[in-house]
């Protein structure tokens, strides 16, 4: 079941010319196949690092959610600052051997 977050706030006016879209906790819980915003959903969010927008209880930023999901699935690098530094040959070998 795929959910299109782009249509979550359809009809809302753009803010400063940008299309700012947020997700409610209910929409996020349903997209992640939870029955609603329950204790289990909240603990799952804490477990993988998903936090609501500061000052807005139960409102989530889809980019933050996507980033946390990517990290949890091993799709993204955990430390984006580290991406800018070239990896040493030893680190490259360890990475190759870990995947083999």
C-alpha atoms as a PDB file:
ATOM      1  CA  UNK A   1       0.000   0.000   0.000  1.00  0.00           C
ATOM      2  CA  UNK A   2       1.687   3.198  -1.148  1.00  0.00           C
ATOM      3  CA  UNK A   3       0.691   6.585   0.156  1.00  0.00           C
ATOM      4  CA  UNK A   4       1.251   9.783  -1.802  1.00  0.00           C
ATOM      5  CA  UNK A   5       2.289  12.400   0.752  1.00  0.00           C
ATOM      6  CA  UNK A   6       2.320  15.113  -1.923  1.00  0.00           C
ATOM      7  CA  UNK A   7      -1.482  15.302  -1.840  1.00  0.00           C
ATOM      8  CA  UNK A   8      -1.723  15.406   1.963  1.00  0.00           C
ATOM      9  CA  UNK A   9      -2.179  19.180   2.057  1.00  0.00           C
ATOM     10  CA  UNK A  10      -3.669  19.644  -1.413  1.00  0.00           C
ATOM     11  CA  UNK A  11      -5.322  23.010  -1.804  1.00  0.00           C
ATOM     12  CA  UNK A  12      -3.148  24.781   0.759  1.00  0.00           C
ATOM     13  CA  UNK A  13      -1.512  28.005  -0.408  1.00  0.00           C
ATOM     14  CA  UNK A  14       2.267  27.946  -0.801  1.00  0.00           C
ATOM     15  CA  UNK A  15       4.251  29.794   1.857  1.00  0.00           C
ATOM     16  CA  UNK A  16       6.751  32.314   0.439  1.00  0.00           C
ATOM     17  CA  UNK A  17       6.464  30.709  -2.986  1.00  0.00           C
ATOM     18  CA  UNK A  18       7.429  27.240  -1.767  1.00  0.00           C
ATOM     19  CA  UNK A  19       5.138  24.287  -1.373  1.00  0.00           C
ATOM     20  CA  UNK A  20       5.477  23.502   2.339  1.00  0.00           C
ATOM     21  CA  UNK A  21       3.849  20.192   3.146  1.00  0.00           C
ATOM     22  CA  UNK A  22       3.627  18.576   6.567  1.00  0.00           C
ATOM     23  CA  UNK A  23       2.131  15.238   7.598  1.00  0.00           C
ATOM     24  CA  UNK A  24      -0.196  14.714  10.521  1.00  0.00           C
ATOM     25  CA  UNK A  25       0.526  11.928  12.965  1.00  0.00           C
ATOM     26  CA  UNK A  26      -2.648  10.137  11.872  1.00  0.00           C
ATOM     27  CA  UNK A  27      -1.584  10.160   8.208  1.00  0.00           C
ATOM     28  CA  UNK A  28       1.930   8.990   9.054  1.00  0.00           C
ATOM     29  CA  UNK A  29       0.645   6.209  11.309  1.00  0.00           C
ATOM     30  CA  UNK A  30      -1.723   4.954   8.602  1.00  0.00           C
ATOM     31  CA  UNK A  31       1.019   5.129   5.948  1.00  0.00           C
ATOM     32  CA  UNK A  32       3.248   2.995   8.212  1.00  0.00           C
ATOM     33  CA  UNK A  33       0.369   0.514   8.686  1.00  0.00           C
ATOM     34  CA  UNK A  34      -0.399   1.328  12.316  1.00  0.00           C
ATOM     35  CA  UNK A  35      -4.032   1.507  13.424  1.00  0.00           C
ATOM     36  CA  UNK A  36      -3.516   5.104  14.523  1.00  0.00           C
ATOM     37  CA  UNK A  37      -1.340   7.258  16.752  1.00  0.00           C
ATOM     38  CA  UNK A  38      -0.842   4.725  19.526  1.00  0.00           C
ATOM     39  CA  UNK A  39       1.860   4.074  22.086  1.00  0.00           C
ATOM     40  CA  UNK A  40       3.382   1.493  19.756  1.00  0.00           C
ATOM     41  CA  UNK A  41       3.511   4.031  16.913  1.00  0.00           C
ATOM     42  CA  UNK A  42       5.154   6.635  19.154  1.00  0.00           C
ATOM     43  CA  UNK A  43       7.762   4.175  20.436  1.00  0.00           C
ATOM     44  CA  UNK A  44       8.498   3.078  16.847  1.00  0.00           C
ATOM     45  CA  UNK A  45       9.027   6.738  15.885  1.00  0.00           C
ATOM     46  CA  UNK A  46      11.415   7.219  18.835  1.00  0.00           C
ATOM     47  CA  UNK A  47      13.224   3.999  17.946  1.00  0.00           C
ATOM     48  CA  UNK A  48      14.137   5.145  14.435  1.00  0.00           C
ATOM     49  CA  UNK A  49      14.529   8.841  15.271  1.00  0.00           C
ATOM     50  CA  UNK A  50      11.358  10.358  13.844  1.00  0.00           C
ATOM     51  CA  UNK A  51      10.382  13.426  15.842  1.00  0.00           C
ATOM     52  CA  UNK A  52       7.517  15.882  15.364  1.00  0.00           C
ATOM     53  CA  UNK A  53       8.187  19.417  14.176  1.00  0.00           C
ATOM     54  CA  UNK A  54       9.402  21.445  17.188  1.00  0.00           C
ATOM     55  CA  UNK A  55       6.508  23.245  18.819  1.00  0.00           C
ATOM     56  CA  UNK A  56       3.927  21.318  16.768  1.00  0.00           C
ATOM     57  CA  UNK A  57       2.739  18.171  18.509  1.00  0.00           C
ATOM     58  CA  UNK A  58       1.682  15.437  16.064  1.00  0.00           C
ATOM     59  CA  UNK A  59       2.957  17.240  12.918  1.00  0.00           C
ATOM     60  CA  UNK A  60       5.850  15.688  10.967  1.00  0.00           C
ATOM     61  CA  UNK A  61       8.185  16.879   8.218  1.00  0.00           C
ATOM     62  CA  UNK A  62       8.127  14.362   5.319  1.00  0.00           C
ATOM     63  CA  UNK A  63      11.802  15.008   4.472  1.00  0.00           C
ATOM     64  CA  UNK A  64      12.843  14.188   8.044  1.00  0.00           C
ATOM     65  CA  UNK A  65      10.653  11.077   8.023  1.00  0.00           C
ATOM     66  CA  UNK A  66      12.157   9.917   4.688  1.00  0.00           C
ATOM     67  CA  UNK A  67      15.695  10.506   5.978  1.00  0.00           C
ATOM     68  CA  UNK A  68      15.037   8.501   9.157  1.00  0.00           C
ATOM     69  CA  UNK A  69      13.476   5.661   7.168  1.00  0.00           C
ATOM     70  CA  UNK A  70      16.449   5.601   4.780  1.00  0.00           C
ATOM     71  CA  UNK A  71      18.904   5.423   7.676  1.00  0.00           C
ATOM     72  CA  UNK A  72      16.860   2.704   9.414  1.00  0.00           C
ATOM     73  CA  UNK A  73      16.853   0.619   6.226  1.00  0.00           C
ATOM     74  CA  UNK A  74      20.550   1.167   5.572  1.00  0.00           C
ATOM     75  CA  UNK A  75      19.878   3.108   2.377  1.00  0.00           C
ATOM     76  CA  UNK A  76      21.486   6.375   3.518  1.00  0.00           C
ATOM     77  CA  UNK A  77      24.712   7.188   5.306  1.00  0.00           C
ATOM     78  CA  UNK A  78      24.244   7.762   9.007  1.00  0.00           C
ATOM     79  CA  UNK A  79      26.720  10.643   9.173  1.00  0.00           C
ATOM     80  CA  UNK A  80      26.262  13.133   6.295  1.00  0.00           C
ATOM     81  CA  UNK A  81      29.316  15.180   7.418  1.00  0.00           C
ATOM     82  CA  UNK A  82      31.459  12.092   6.916  1.00  0.00           C
ATOM     83  CA  UNK A  83      30.424  11.953   3.219  1.00  0.00           C
ATOM     84  CA  UNK A  84      32.525  15.029   2.465  1.00  0.00           C
ATOM     85  CA  UNK A  85      35.754  13.445   3.720  1.00  0.00           C
ATOM     86  CA  UNK A  86      37.447  10.941   1.408  1.00  0.00           C
ATOM     87  CA  UNK A  87      37.572   7.438   2.823  1.00  0.00           C
ATOM     88  CA  UNK A  88      40.956   5.955   3.597  1.00  0.00           C
ATOM     89  CA  UNK A  89      42.001   2.795   1.772  1.00  0.00           C
ATOM     90  CA  UNK A  90      41.534   0.795   4.980  1.00  0.00           C
ATOM     91  CA  UNK A  91      37.966   2.115   5.360  1.00  0.00           C
ATOM     92  CA  UNK A  92      37.222   1.286   1.729  1.00  0.00           C
ATOM     93  CA  UNK A  93      38.529  -2.274   2.195  1.00  0.00           C
ATOM     94  CA  UNK A  94      36.493  -2.758   5.391  1.00  0.00           C
ATOM     95  CA  UNK A  95      33.394  -1.544   3.606  1.00  0.00           C
ATOM     96  CA  UNK A  96      33.993  -3.916   0.672  1.00  0.00           C
ATOM     97  CA  UNK A  97      34.655  -6.875   2.967  1.00  0.00           C
ATOM     98  CA  UNK A  98      31.565  -6.165   5.081  1.00  0.00           C
ATOM     99  CA  UNK A  99      29.387  -6.350   1.955  1.00  0.00           C
ATOM    100  CA  UNK A 100      30.951  -9.591   0.707  1.00  0.00           C
END
